[in-house]
N, C-alpha and C. Protein backbone atom coordinates (compact mmCIF):
# COMPACT_ATOMS: atom_id res chain seq x y z
N MET A 1 6.19 12.31 132.97
CA MET A 1 6.24 12.23 131.63
C MET A 1 7.39 11.38 131.53
N ASP A 2 7.33 10.26 130.54
CA ASP A 2 8.39 9.30 130.29
C ASP A 2 9.17 10.01 129.01
N GLU A 3 10.51 10.25 129.38
CA GLU A 3 11.60 10.54 128.61
C GLU A 3 11.32 9.68 127.13
N LEU A 4 11.13 8.52 127.12
CA LEU A 4 11.28 8.07 125.93
C LEU A 4 9.99 8.42 124.92
N ARG A 5 9.04 8.85 125.55
CA ARG A 5 7.81 9.55 124.81
C ARG A 5 8.66 10.77 123.56
N LEU A 6 9.47 11.13 123.97
CA LEU A 6 10.39 12.19 123.47
C LEU A 6 10.43 11.86 121.39
N PRO A 7 10.20 12.89 120.90
CA PRO A 7 9.90 14.20 121.16
C PRO A 7 8.44 14.48 121.10
N TYR A 8 8.15 15.48 121.81
CA TYR A 8 6.70 15.88 121.51
C TYR A 8 5.76 15.98 120.14
N ARG A 9 4.56 15.53 119.88
CA ARG A 9 4.23 16.25 118.82
C ARG A 9 4.26 17.37 118.30
N ASP A 10 3.63 18.09 119.31
CA ASP A 10 4.03 19.62 119.26
C ASP A 10 3.55 20.33 120.45
N ARG A 11 3.24 21.51 120.58
CA ARG A 11 3.67 22.41 121.69
C ARG A 11 1.92 22.02 122.46
N ARG A 12 0.71 21.76 121.77
CA ARG A 12 -0.18 21.05 122.45
C ARG A 12 -0.04 19.94 123.24
N GLU A 13 0.68 18.61 122.45
CA GLU A 13 0.58 17.84 123.39
C GLU A 13 1.66 17.86 124.37
N ALA A 14 2.59 19.03 124.35
CA ALA A 14 3.52 19.08 125.25
C ALA A 14 2.88 19.75 126.76
N GLY A 15 2.03 20.73 126.36
CA GLY A 15 1.19 21.31 127.16
C GLY A 15 0.24 20.13 128.29
N GLN A 16 -0.24 19.63 127.34
CA GLN A 16 -1.10 18.00 127.95
C GLN A 16 -0.36 17.51 128.89
N ALA A 17 1.12 16.98 128.37
CA ALA A 17 1.94 16.41 129.24
C ALA A 17 1.85 17.06 130.66
N LEU A 18 2.78 18.38 130.38
CA LEU A 18 2.64 19.07 131.52
C LEU A 18 1.88 19.33 132.56
N ALA A 19 0.50 19.54 132.15
CA ALA A 19 -0.49 19.51 133.22
C ALA A 19 -0.77 18.48 133.50
N GLN A 20 -0.24 17.25 132.93
CA GLN A 20 -0.30 16.09 133.88
C GLN A 20 0.51 16.04 135.19
N ARG A 21 1.47 16.65 134.93
CA ARG A 21 2.42 16.73 136.38
C ARG A 21 1.93 17.76 137.26
N LEU A 22 0.87 18.87 136.92
CA LEU A 22 0.36 19.67 137.96
C LEU A 22 -0.99 19.43 138.12
N GLY A 23 -1.17 18.38 138.00
CA GLY A 23 -2.85 18.28 138.27
C GLY A 23 -3.23 18.57 139.53
N HIS A 24 -2.53 18.16 141.00
CA HIS A 24 -2.98 18.31 141.72
C HIS A 24 -3.13 19.91 142.15
N LEU A 25 -2.91 20.84 141.28
CA LEU A 25 -3.54 22.22 141.33
C LEU A 25 -4.68 22.58 140.88
N ARG A 26 -5.34 21.68 140.27
CA ARG A 26 -6.72 21.99 139.51
C ARG A 26 -7.75 22.44 140.33
N GLY A 27 -8.08 23.43 140.13
CA GLY A 27 -9.20 23.70 140.76
C GLY A 27 -8.80 24.91 142.18
N ASP A 28 -7.65 24.85 142.15
CA ASP A 28 -6.99 25.98 143.11
C ASP A 28 -7.29 27.56 142.67
N PRO A 29 -8.34 28.11 143.66
CA PRO A 29 -8.39 29.44 142.93
C PRO A 29 -7.16 30.51 143.12
N ALA A 30 -6.04 30.16 143.61
CA ALA A 30 -5.24 31.26 143.89
C ALA A 30 -4.18 31.08 142.41
N VAL A 31 -4.53 29.83 141.72
CA VAL A 31 -3.41 29.80 140.76
C VAL A 31 -3.57 30.56 139.56
N LEU A 32 -2.94 30.99 138.97
CA LEU A 32 -2.76 31.85 138.03
C LEU A 32 -1.92 31.56 136.86
N VAL A 33 -2.07 30.86 135.59
CA VAL A 33 -1.35 30.27 134.71
C VAL A 33 -0.47 31.48 133.45
N LEU A 34 0.42 31.88 133.69
CA LEU A 34 1.60 32.90 132.94
C LEU A 34 1.93 32.34 131.90
N GLY A 35 1.72 32.69 130.54
CA GLY A 35 2.54 32.10 129.52
C GLY A 35 3.45 32.93 128.87
N LEU A 36 4.82 32.59 128.37
CA LEU A 36 5.55 33.44 127.99
C LEU A 36 5.75 33.77 126.33
N PRO A 37 4.92 34.92 125.79
CA PRO A 37 4.65 34.71 124.47
C PRO A 37 6.17 34.83 123.87
N ARG A 38 5.79 34.21 122.37
CA ARG A 38 4.83 33.19 122.05
C ARG A 38 4.46 31.90 122.21
N GLY A 39 5.74 31.34 122.18
CA GLY A 39 5.35 29.98 121.98
C GLY A 39 5.12 29.34 123.27
N GLY A 40 5.49 30.08 124.27
CA GLY A 40 4.91 29.25 125.90
C GLY A 40 3.31 29.59 125.91
N VAL A 41 2.60 30.18 125.06
CA VAL A 41 1.56 30.35 125.51
C VAL A 41 0.40 29.41 125.01
N ALA A 42 0.88 28.76 124.02
CA ALA A 42 0.14 27.34 123.40
C ALA A 42 0.40 26.42 124.66
N VAL A 43 1.60 26.24 124.94
CA VAL A 43 1.54 25.23 126.27
C VAL A 43 1.03 25.90 127.40
N ALA A 44 0.70 26.71 127.86
CA ALA A 44 0.39 27.38 128.51
C ALA A 44 -1.35 27.24 128.59
N PHE A 45 -1.78 27.53 127.52
CA PHE A 45 -3.42 26.98 127.21
C PHE A 45 -3.84 25.71 127.71
N GLU A 46 -2.99 25.01 127.43
CA GLU A 46 -3.43 23.50 127.49
C GLU A 46 -3.17 23.22 128.97
N VAL A 47 -2.36 23.91 129.96
CA VAL A 47 -2.07 23.75 131.34
C VAL A 47 -3.63 24.76 131.56
N ALA A 48 -3.58 25.49 131.21
CA ALA A 48 -4.85 26.40 132.11
C ALA A 48 -6.28 25.56 131.74
N GLN A 49 -6.04 25.12 130.90
CA GLN A 49 -7.49 24.62 130.24
C GLN A 49 -7.94 23.46 131.55
N ALA A 50 -6.58 22.73 131.55
CA ALA A 50 -6.65 21.26 132.58
C ALA A 50 -7.00 21.46 133.69
N LEU A 51 -6.33 22.65 134.51
CA LEU A 51 -6.48 23.10 135.79
C LEU A 51 -7.44 23.98 136.19
N HIS A 52 -8.47 24.28 135.13
CA HIS A 52 -9.65 25.17 135.50
C HIS A 52 -8.98 26.36 135.60
N ALA A 53 -7.69 27.03 135.20
CA ALA A 53 -7.16 28.17 135.77
C ALA A 53 -7.34 29.24 134.98
N PRO A 54 -7.53 30.60 135.11
CA PRO A 54 -7.37 31.79 134.47
C PRO A 54 -5.70 32.09 133.64
N LEU A 55 -5.86 32.32 132.15
CA LEU A 55 -4.31 32.45 131.41
C LEU A 55 -4.15 33.62 131.24
N ASP A 56 -2.94 34.04 131.45
CA ASP A 56 -2.25 35.38 131.09
C ASP A 56 -0.92 35.43 130.68
N ILE A 57 -0.47 36.54 130.42
CA ILE A 57 0.93 36.38 129.69
C ILE A 57 1.98 37.30 130.60
N LEU A 58 3.25 37.10 130.26
CA LEU A 58 4.08 37.43 131.12
C LEU A 58 5.44 37.83 129.76
N VAL A 59 5.32 38.69 129.30
CA VAL A 59 6.29 39.05 128.02
C VAL A 59 7.74 39.36 128.57
N VAL A 60 8.69 38.24 127.61
CA VAL A 60 9.97 38.48 127.90
C VAL A 60 10.95 38.41 126.50
N ARG A 61 11.50 39.36 126.75
CA ARG A 61 12.48 39.15 125.18
C ARG A 61 13.81 39.00 125.70
N LYS A 62 14.68 37.85 124.68
CA LYS A 62 15.95 37.42 124.61
C LYS A 62 16.86 38.94 124.29
N LEU A 63 18.00 39.04 125.19
CA LEU A 63 18.95 40.16 124.28
C LEU A 63 19.88 39.18 123.53
N GLY A 64 19.87 39.20 122.48
CA GLY A 64 20.58 38.45 121.75
C GLY A 64 22.23 39.51 121.42
N HIS A 65 23.37 38.29 121.48
CA HIS A 65 24.65 39.04 121.23
C HIS A 65 24.59 40.32 120.12
N PRO A 66 24.90 41.08 120.07
CA PRO A 66 25.11 41.72 118.56
C PRO A 66 26.02 41.05 117.72
N GLY A 67 25.26 40.74 116.47
CA GLY A 67 26.12 40.42 115.53
C GLY A 67 26.09 38.63 115.59
N GLN A 68 25.51 37.92 116.85
CA GLN A 68 25.13 36.92 117.04
C GLN A 68 23.53 36.38 117.75
N GLU A 69 22.56 36.77 117.30
CA GLU A 69 21.57 37.08 117.83
C GLU A 69 21.31 35.77 118.49
N GLU A 70 21.58 34.60 118.24
CA GLU A 70 20.90 33.20 118.57
C GLU A 70 21.61 33.03 120.13
N TYR A 71 22.55 33.68 120.46
CA TYR A 71 22.95 33.70 121.67
C TYR A 71 22.54 34.94 122.46
N ALA A 72 22.33 34.50 123.86
CA ALA A 72 21.55 35.30 124.73
C ALA A 72 22.54 35.82 125.53
N MET A 73 22.49 37.25 125.76
CA MET A 73 23.43 37.77 126.87
C MET A 73 22.63 38.53 127.94
N GLY A 74 21.44 38.15 127.98
CA GLY A 74 20.52 38.37 128.70
C GLY A 74 19.30 38.44 128.08
N ALA A 75 17.94 39.12 129.24
CA ALA A 75 16.75 39.23 128.93
C ALA A 75 16.27 40.30 129.40
N ILE A 76 15.16 40.63 129.00
CA ILE A 76 14.03 41.70 129.66
C ILE A 76 12.65 41.35 129.72
N ALA A 77 12.11 41.94 130.79
CA ALA A 77 10.55 41.75 130.91
C ALA A 77 9.88 42.52 131.41
N SER A 78 8.43 42.43 131.41
CA SER A 78 7.55 43.57 131.96
C SER A 78 8.01 43.99 133.16
N GLY A 79 7.90 45.36 133.22
CA GLY A 79 8.19 45.90 134.67
C GLY A 79 9.38 46.68 134.60
N GLY A 80 10.19 46.60 133.49
CA GLY A 80 11.43 47.41 133.60
C GLY A 80 12.64 46.38 134.08
N VAL A 81 12.01 45.24 134.24
CA VAL A 81 13.56 43.80 134.54
C VAL A 81 14.35 43.70 133.40
N CYS A 82 15.65 43.81 133.84
CA CYS A 82 16.69 43.55 132.78
C CYS A 82 17.73 42.87 133.19
N ILE A 83 18.20 41.59 133.22
CA ILE A 83 19.09 40.75 133.55
C ILE A 83 19.97 40.21 132.48
N MET A 84 21.00 40.66 132.73
CA MET A 84 22.17 40.20 132.19
C MET A 84 23.13 38.76 132.78
N THR A 85 22.98 38.03 131.69
CA THR A 85 23.67 36.86 132.27
C THR A 85 24.96 36.27 131.93
N GLN A 86 25.58 36.74 130.68
CA GLN A 86 26.87 37.23 130.60
C GLN A 86 27.51 38.35 129.97
N GLN A 87 28.64 38.75 129.81
CA GLN A 87 29.18 40.03 129.48
C GLN A 87 29.34 39.46 127.82
N PRO A 88 28.96 40.57 126.95
CA PRO A 88 28.88 40.31 125.28
C PRO A 88 30.70 39.99 125.09
N GLY A 89 31.64 40.50 125.65
CA GLY A 89 32.73 40.04 125.17
C GLY A 89 33.45 41.34 124.23
N PRO A 90 34.78 41.10 123.93
CA PRO A 90 35.59 42.45 123.35
C PRO A 90 34.82 43.06 122.21
N GLY A 91 35.03 43.86 121.68
CA GLY A 91 34.19 44.10 120.04
C GLY A 91 32.78 44.90 120.65
N VAL A 92 32.57 44.84 121.49
CA VAL A 92 30.99 44.99 121.93
C VAL A 92 30.88 46.14 122.46
N SER A 93 30.65 47.24 122.30
CA SER A 93 30.53 48.56 122.93
C SER A 93 28.89 48.84 123.98
N GLN A 94 29.11 49.41 124.96
CA GLN A 94 27.95 49.71 125.70
C GLN A 94 26.76 50.19 124.93
N ALA A 95 27.09 51.21 124.05
CA ALA A 95 26.20 51.50 122.77
C ALA A 95 25.83 50.34 122.04
N ASP A 96 26.29 49.52 121.56
CA ASP A 96 26.04 48.45 120.99
C ASP A 96 24.98 47.66 122.05
N ILE A 97 25.16 47.26 123.08
CA ILE A 97 24.31 46.81 123.97
C ILE A 97 22.99 47.52 124.51
N ASP A 98 23.03 48.67 124.66
CA ASP A 98 22.22 49.91 124.55
C ASP A 98 21.07 49.75 123.55
N ALA A 99 21.36 49.45 122.53
CA ALA A 99 20.88 49.50 121.06
C ALA A 99 19.88 48.29 121.16
N VAL A 100 20.79 46.90 121.60
CA VAL A 100 19.71 45.67 121.37
C VAL A 100 18.86 45.86 122.57
N ILE A 101 18.87 46.78 123.74
CA ILE A 101 18.02 46.41 125.04
C ILE A 101 16.70 47.60 124.48
N ALA A 102 17.30 48.89 123.77
CA ALA A 102 16.23 49.68 123.22
C ALA A 102 15.27 48.98 122.26
N ARG A 103 15.77 47.87 121.17
CA ARG A 103 14.94 47.63 120.42
C ARG A 103 13.82 46.40 120.90
N GLU A 104 14.32 46.04 121.88
CA GLU A 104 13.77 44.41 122.63
C GLU A 104 12.56 45.27 123.37
N ARG A 105 12.83 46.76 124.26
CA ARG A 105 11.88 47.12 124.84
C ARG A 105 10.91 47.32 123.75
N ASP A 106 11.00 48.13 122.70
CA ASP A 106 10.14 48.72 122.04
C ASP A 106 8.98 47.15 121.55
N GLU A 107 9.88 46.26 121.31
CA GLU A 107 8.89 45.14 120.50
C GLU A 107 8.13 44.35 121.91
N LEU A 108 8.81 44.60 123.32
CA LEU A 108 8.03 44.00 124.29
C LEU A 108 6.64 45.05 124.65
N SER A 109 6.56 46.17 124.36
CA SER A 109 5.66 47.03 124.65
C SER A 109 4.77 46.75 123.33
N ARG A 110 5.06 46.41 122.15
CA ARG A 110 3.87 46.58 120.61
C ARG A 110 3.46 45.01 121.47
N ARG A 111 4.08 44.05 122.02
CA ARG A 111 3.48 42.91 122.14
C ARG A 111 2.42 42.51 123.14
N GLU A 112 2.85 43.52 124.37
CA GLU A 112 2.09 43.74 125.82
C GLU A 112 0.49 44.72 124.99
N ALA A 113 0.84 45.89 123.84
CA ALA A 113 -0.30 46.61 124.05
C ALA A 113 -1.32 45.21 122.91
N LEU A 114 -0.63 44.61 121.93
CA LEU A 114 -1.46 44.00 120.89
C LEU A 114 -2.19 42.71 121.66
N TYR A 115 -1.43 42.12 122.57
CA TYR A 115 -1.73 40.98 123.30
C TYR A 115 -3.02 41.07 124.29
N ARG A 116 -2.60 42.24 125.09
CA ARG A 116 -3.87 42.74 126.06
C ARG A 116 -5.23 43.52 125.54
N GLY A 117 -4.49 44.68 124.95
CA GLY A 117 -5.69 45.32 124.37
C GLY A 117 -6.03 46.37 125.38
N ASP A 118 -7.38 46.83 125.46
CA ASP A 118 -7.81 47.75 126.58
C ASP A 118 -8.27 46.91 127.95
N ALA A 119 -7.90 45.61 127.80
CA ALA A 119 -8.41 44.52 128.80
C ALA A 119 -7.49 44.62 130.05
N PRO A 120 -8.30 45.18 131.38
CA PRO A 120 -7.65 45.31 132.53
C PRO A 120 -6.78 44.13 133.06
N ARG A 121 -5.62 43.97 133.25
CA ARG A 121 -4.56 42.89 133.41
C ARG A 121 -5.47 42.42 135.29
N GLU A 122 -5.42 41.05 135.34
CA GLU A 122 -6.09 40.30 136.74
C GLU A 122 -4.84 40.72 137.55
N SER A 123 -5.21 41.00 139.05
CA SER A 123 -4.24 41.19 139.84
C SER A 123 -3.28 39.84 140.11
N TRP A 124 -2.13 39.92 140.26
CA TRP A 124 -0.91 38.95 140.33
C TRP A 124 -0.85 38.55 141.99
N ASP A 125 -1.18 39.76 142.91
CA ASP A 125 -0.82 39.86 144.17
C ASP A 125 -1.21 38.57 144.89
N HIS A 126 -0.54 37.94 145.66
CA HIS A 126 -1.14 37.02 146.50
C HIS A 126 -1.48 35.93 145.86
N ARG A 127 -1.01 35.57 144.27
CA ARG A 127 -1.46 34.47 143.98
C ARG A 127 -0.25 33.26 143.21
N HIS A 128 -0.72 32.44 143.19
CA HIS A 128 0.18 31.16 142.67
C HIS A 128 0.52 31.54 141.76
N LEU A 129 1.57 31.94 140.80
CA LEU A 129 2.17 32.15 139.45
C LEU A 129 2.44 31.25 139.14
N LEU A 130 2.06 30.40 137.72
CA LEU A 130 2.29 29.10 137.32
C LEU A 130 3.55 29.70 135.92
N LEU A 131 4.40 30.19 135.92
CA LEU A 131 5.65 30.35 134.72
C LEU A 131 5.54 29.30 133.34
N VAL A 132 5.11 29.56 132.63
CA VAL A 132 4.82 28.17 131.69
C VAL A 132 5.77 29.08 130.34
N ASP A 133 6.82 28.01 129.66
CA ASP A 133 7.47 27.99 128.57
C ASP A 133 7.09 26.79 127.69
N ASP A 134 7.62 26.59 126.30
CA ASP A 134 7.88 25.78 125.83
C ASP A 134 9.10 24.82 126.22
N GLY A 135 9.70 25.16 126.64
CA GLY A 135 11.27 24.64 127.40
C GLY A 135 12.42 25.69 127.55
N LEU A 136 13.07 24.87 128.58
CA LEU A 136 14.25 25.58 129.01
C LEU A 136 15.67 25.20 128.31
N ALA A 137 16.50 26.08 127.98
CA ALA A 137 17.60 26.09 127.33
C ALA A 137 18.50 26.52 128.21
N THR A 138 18.93 27.86 128.11
CA THR A 138 19.84 28.39 128.90
C THR A 138 19.12 29.32 130.26
N GLY A 139 18.03 29.31 130.27
CA GLY A 139 17.03 29.83 131.45
C GLY A 139 16.93 31.29 131.46
N SER A 140 17.88 32.23 130.22
CA SER A 140 18.01 33.43 130.57
C SER A 140 16.45 34.12 130.60
N THR A 141 15.61 33.73 129.76
CA THR A 141 14.44 34.49 129.54
C THR A 141 13.43 33.99 130.86
N MET A 142 13.40 32.73 131.21
CA MET A 142 12.80 32.61 132.25
C MET A 142 13.06 32.73 133.75
N ARG A 143 14.55 33.33 133.84
CA ARG A 143 15.05 33.95 134.96
C ARG A 143 14.62 35.51 134.82
N ALA A 144 14.26 36.27 133.72
CA ALA A 144 13.84 37.54 133.73
C ALA A 144 12.27 37.55 133.77
N ALA A 145 11.61 36.35 133.69
CA ALA A 145 10.47 36.38 134.12
C ALA A 145 9.96 36.16 135.50
N VAL A 146 10.87 35.10 136.30
CA VAL A 146 10.98 34.97 137.55
C VAL A 146 10.90 36.51 138.45
N ALA A 147 12.10 37.52 137.91
CA ALA A 147 12.43 38.66 138.63
C ALA A 147 11.34 39.33 138.12
N ALA A 148 10.52 39.61 137.40
CA ALA A 148 9.75 40.19 136.96
C ALA A 148 7.89 40.13 137.95
N ALA A 149 7.96 38.58 137.71
CA ALA A 149 6.70 37.88 138.59
C ALA A 149 6.91 38.45 140.03
N ARG A 150 8.18 38.52 140.72
CA ARG A 150 8.41 38.65 142.04
C ARG A 150 8.04 40.09 142.51
N ARG A 151 7.74 40.98 141.67
CA ARG A 151 7.55 42.09 141.75
C ARG A 151 5.97 42.24 142.02
N HIS A 152 5.12 41.58 141.73
CA HIS A 152 3.85 41.67 142.21
C HIS A 152 3.46 40.67 143.50
N ARG A 153 4.36 40.35 144.23
CA ARG A 153 4.24 39.95 145.42
C ARG A 153 3.24 38.76 145.27
N PRO A 154 3.55 37.71 144.75
CA PRO A 154 2.97 36.54 144.62
C PRO A 154 2.85 35.68 145.73
N SER A 155 1.93 34.83 146.14
CA SER A 155 2.27 33.98 147.18
C SER A 155 3.23 32.81 147.20
N ARG A 156 3.31 32.54 145.69
CA ARG A 156 4.21 31.35 145.13
C ARG A 156 4.45 31.40 143.86
N ILE A 157 5.96 31.06 143.22
CA ILE A 157 6.00 31.33 141.85
C ILE A 157 6.40 29.72 141.63
N THR A 158 5.86 29.29 140.27
CA THR A 158 6.17 27.71 139.98
C THR A 158 6.58 28.01 138.57
N VAL A 159 7.86 27.39 138.16
CA VAL A 159 8.39 27.65 136.48
C VAL A 159 8.20 26.09 136.37
N ALA A 160 7.20 26.25 135.14
CA ALA A 160 6.75 24.52 134.37
C ALA A 160 7.07 24.49 133.26
N VAL A 161 7.73 23.68 132.63
CA VAL A 161 7.98 23.53 131.37
C VAL A 161 7.94 22.06 131.10
N PRO A 162 7.47 21.71 129.55
CA PRO A 162 7.59 20.35 129.28
C PRO A 162 8.48 19.60 128.78
N VAL A 163 9.88 20.17 128.66
CA VAL A 163 11.27 20.03 128.48
C VAL A 163 12.20 20.57 128.89
N GLY A 164 13.57 20.64 129.46
CA GLY A 164 14.49 21.57 129.91
C GLY A 164 15.52 20.78 129.76
N ASP A 165 16.79 21.47 130.16
CA ASP A 165 18.09 21.02 130.17
C ASP A 165 18.53 20.93 131.69
N ARG A 166 18.40 19.84 132.10
CA ARG A 166 18.71 19.46 133.37
C ARG A 166 19.53 20.22 134.31
N THR A 167 20.71 20.89 134.24
CA THR A 167 21.46 22.00 134.85
C THR A 167 20.59 22.94 135.12
N THR A 168 19.73 23.65 133.90
CA THR A 168 19.17 24.70 133.92
C THR A 168 17.82 24.96 134.69
N CYS A 169 17.19 23.44 134.90
CA CYS A 169 16.19 23.35 135.59
C CYS A 169 16.49 23.55 136.97
N ALA A 170 17.47 22.96 137.22
CA ALA A 170 18.12 22.98 139.02
C ALA A 170 18.46 24.19 138.99
N SER A 171 18.90 24.86 138.29
CA SER A 171 19.79 26.07 138.30
C SER A 171 18.36 27.08 138.81
N LEU A 172 17.52 27.38 138.25
CA LEU A 172 16.32 27.96 138.55
C LEU A 172 15.41 27.62 140.24
N SER A 173 16.00 26.39 140.72
CA SER A 173 15.35 25.99 141.95
C SER A 173 15.86 27.37 142.89
N ALA A 174 17.14 27.52 142.56
CA ALA A 174 17.24 28.79 143.44
C ALA A 174 16.32 30.24 143.77
N GLU A 175 15.76 30.34 142.49
CA GLU A 175 14.87 31.61 142.03
C GLU A 175 13.35 31.20 142.23
N ALA A 176 12.67 30.45 141.81
CA ALA A 176 11.65 29.90 142.14
C ALA A 176 11.27 29.31 143.31
N ASP A 177 10.02 29.03 143.41
CA ASP A 177 9.52 28.23 144.68
C ASP A 177 9.53 26.90 144.54
N GLU A 178 9.40 26.45 143.04
CA GLU A 178 9.30 25.13 142.78
C GLU A 178 9.56 25.25 141.19
N VAL A 179 10.19 24.41 140.29
CA VAL A 179 10.64 23.98 139.28
C VAL A 179 10.09 22.63 138.92
N VAL A 180 9.30 22.74 137.73
CA VAL A 180 8.46 21.46 137.15
C VAL A 180 8.99 21.29 135.72
N CYS A 181 9.98 20.67 135.49
CA CYS A 181 10.34 20.11 134.15
C CYS A 181 9.81 18.68 133.92
N ALA A 182 8.87 18.44 132.86
CA ALA A 182 8.32 17.09 132.64
C ALA A 182 9.45 16.25 132.37
N ALA A 183 10.40 16.54 131.54
CA ALA A 183 11.36 15.59 130.79
C ALA A 183 12.47 16.42 131.05
N MET A 184 13.80 15.92 131.43
CA MET A 184 14.78 16.33 131.02
C MET A 184 15.97 15.63 130.48
N PRO A 185 15.84 15.34 128.89
CA PRO A 185 16.50 14.54 128.12
C PRO A 185 18.06 15.26 128.07
N GLY A 186 19.11 14.53 128.03
CA GLY A 186 20.40 14.55 127.36
C GLY A 186 21.11 14.19 126.48
N PRO A 187 22.19 14.76 125.92
CA PRO A 187 22.66 16.00 125.92
C PRO A 187 21.14 16.97 125.22
N PHE A 188 21.07 17.82 125.77
CA PHE A 188 19.74 18.82 125.77
C PHE A 188 19.98 19.35 124.06
N GLN A 189 20.82 20.17 124.18
CA GLN A 189 21.22 21.23 122.85
C GLN A 189 20.67 22.22 122.56
N ALA A 190 18.65 21.83 122.21
CA ALA A 190 18.08 22.86 121.99
C ALA A 190 16.71 22.64 122.20
N VAL A 191 15.65 23.53 122.55
CA VAL A 191 14.35 23.31 122.79
C VAL A 191 13.75 22.73 121.42
N SER A 192 13.79 23.14 120.43
CA SER A 192 13.40 22.48 119.22
C SER A 192 13.64 21.17 118.77
N LEU A 193 14.64 20.11 119.33
CA LEU A 193 15.04 19.04 119.06
C LEU A 193 13.78 18.06 119.46
N TRP A 194 13.41 18.85 120.68
CA TRP A 194 12.37 17.71 121.66
C TRP A 194 10.83 17.99 120.56
N TYR A 195 10.44 18.54 119.89
CA TYR A 195 9.55 18.95 119.33
C TYR A 195 9.59 18.14 117.84
N ARG A 196 8.50 17.37 117.19
CA ARG A 196 8.35 16.94 115.87
C ARG A 196 8.02 18.37 114.92
N ASP A 197 6.95 19.01 115.64
CA ASP A 197 6.45 19.90 114.97
C ASP A 197 6.39 21.38 115.67
N PHE A 198 7.39 22.13 115.28
CA PHE A 198 7.92 23.32 116.68
C PHE A 198 8.06 24.54 115.54
N PRO A 199 6.48 24.84 114.69
CA PRO A 199 6.96 26.45 113.87
C PRO A 199 6.57 27.72 114.85
N GLN A 200 7.30 28.52 114.32
CA GLN A 200 7.16 29.87 115.13
C GLN A 200 5.79 30.25 115.31
N ALA A 201 5.59 30.87 116.12
CA ALA A 201 4.25 30.76 116.69
C ALA A 201 4.35 32.57 116.56
N GLY A 202 2.82 32.97 116.07
CA GLY A 202 2.40 34.18 115.70
C GLY A 202 1.81 34.89 116.57
N ASP A 203 1.68 36.32 116.42
CA ASP A 203 0.74 37.00 117.31
C ASP A 203 -0.70 36.82 117.27
N ASP A 204 -1.13 36.44 115.77
CA ASP A 204 -2.56 36.08 116.19
C ASP A 204 -3.32 34.77 116.80
N GLU A 205 -1.76 33.97 116.62
CA GLU A 205 -2.22 32.51 117.75
C GLU A 205 -2.44 33.00 119.02
N VAL A 206 -1.57 33.77 119.38
CA VAL A 206 -1.50 34.17 120.99
C VAL A 206 -2.96 34.80 121.45
N ARG A 207 -3.18 35.96 120.46
CA ARG A 207 -4.57 36.74 120.80
C ARG A 207 -5.39 35.64 120.68
N ALA A 208 -5.43 34.97 120.26
CA ALA A 208 -6.98 33.59 119.82
C ALA A 208 -6.93 32.80 121.14
N LEU A 209 -5.64 32.17 121.51
CA LEU A 209 -5.50 31.40 122.67
C LEU A 209 -6.00 31.80 123.72
N LEU A 210 -5.45 33.46 123.95
CA LEU A 210 -5.99 34.54 125.13
C LEU A 210 -7.23 34.30 125.36
N ALA A 211 -8.04 34.46 123.97
CA ALA A 211 -9.72 34.95 123.97
C ALA A 211 -10.22 33.64 124.35
N GLN A 212 -9.91 32.51 123.57
CA GLN A 212 -10.53 31.18 124.01
C GLN A 212 -10.39 30.95 125.47
N ALA A 213 -9.24 31.10 125.99
CA ALA A 213 -9.04 30.70 127.22
C ALA A 213 -10.11 31.73 128.30
N GLN A 214 -10.15 33.10 128.10
CA GLN A 214 -10.95 33.74 128.48
C GLN A 214 -12.44 33.38 128.51
N ARG A 215 -13.18 32.72 127.32
CA ARG A 215 -14.24 32.51 127.05
C ARG A 215 -14.69 31.30 127.74
N ALA A 216 -13.64 30.68 127.86
CA ALA A 216 -13.92 29.04 128.81
C ALA A 216 -13.97 29.33 130.11
N LEU A 217 -13.86 30.62 130.75
CA LEU A 217 -13.91 31.08 132.01
C LEU A 217 -15.07 31.45 132.55
N GLU A 218 -15.83 32.06 131.39
CA GLU A 218 -16.96 32.75 131.59
C GLU A 218 -18.13 32.06 131.87
N PRO A 219 -19.26 32.06 132.39
CA PRO A 219 -20.51 31.47 133.05
C PRO A 219 -21.22 31.13 131.86
N HIS A 220 -21.70 30.18 131.93
CA HIS A 220 -22.67 29.79 130.71
C HIS A 220 -24.17 29.59 130.89
């Protein structure tokens, strides 16, 4: 992907651009695309469609600094994974941190129940898991996602994003088997800057995309 084409029009275009970088995986039966809700699912949907691969989700929640929610002090993911990326600093008690973790665990459980419903989760064991988000800034949520995915004994983990901070993408290479960042512009600052249309993704959109992806794989 030529960085001169940035910003992307929207997550759909970003997903299509990312899929071009992953074209060698098309038709590989081991590949399972995991979107990080909510924004990453729209990107992951386009990747899954292009690769003719199934789509699933891996729910991750950023742990915002108490009083400054936009700054991540860590992240949690499905399966009880909790990663602290930095110390909150003076004035923040362990009780404050525990309250943030408890709140985000409740939201994580809510989203998993809402998005999956009663549908059984496809086995991730011995699969090539493609972890997809709409961008990488600090990488805290993706690190939690990789740690959660590792617990399922996959054959390979690839982190794939349409745009990311160059340093973050490089650092994740030590944790994932491969990192694919379609564009790494600088100075990076924020994921939203590299999209013309970057609305807040909703629960209904996630559910609709998962259902559409499932229908696409059903025999006609």
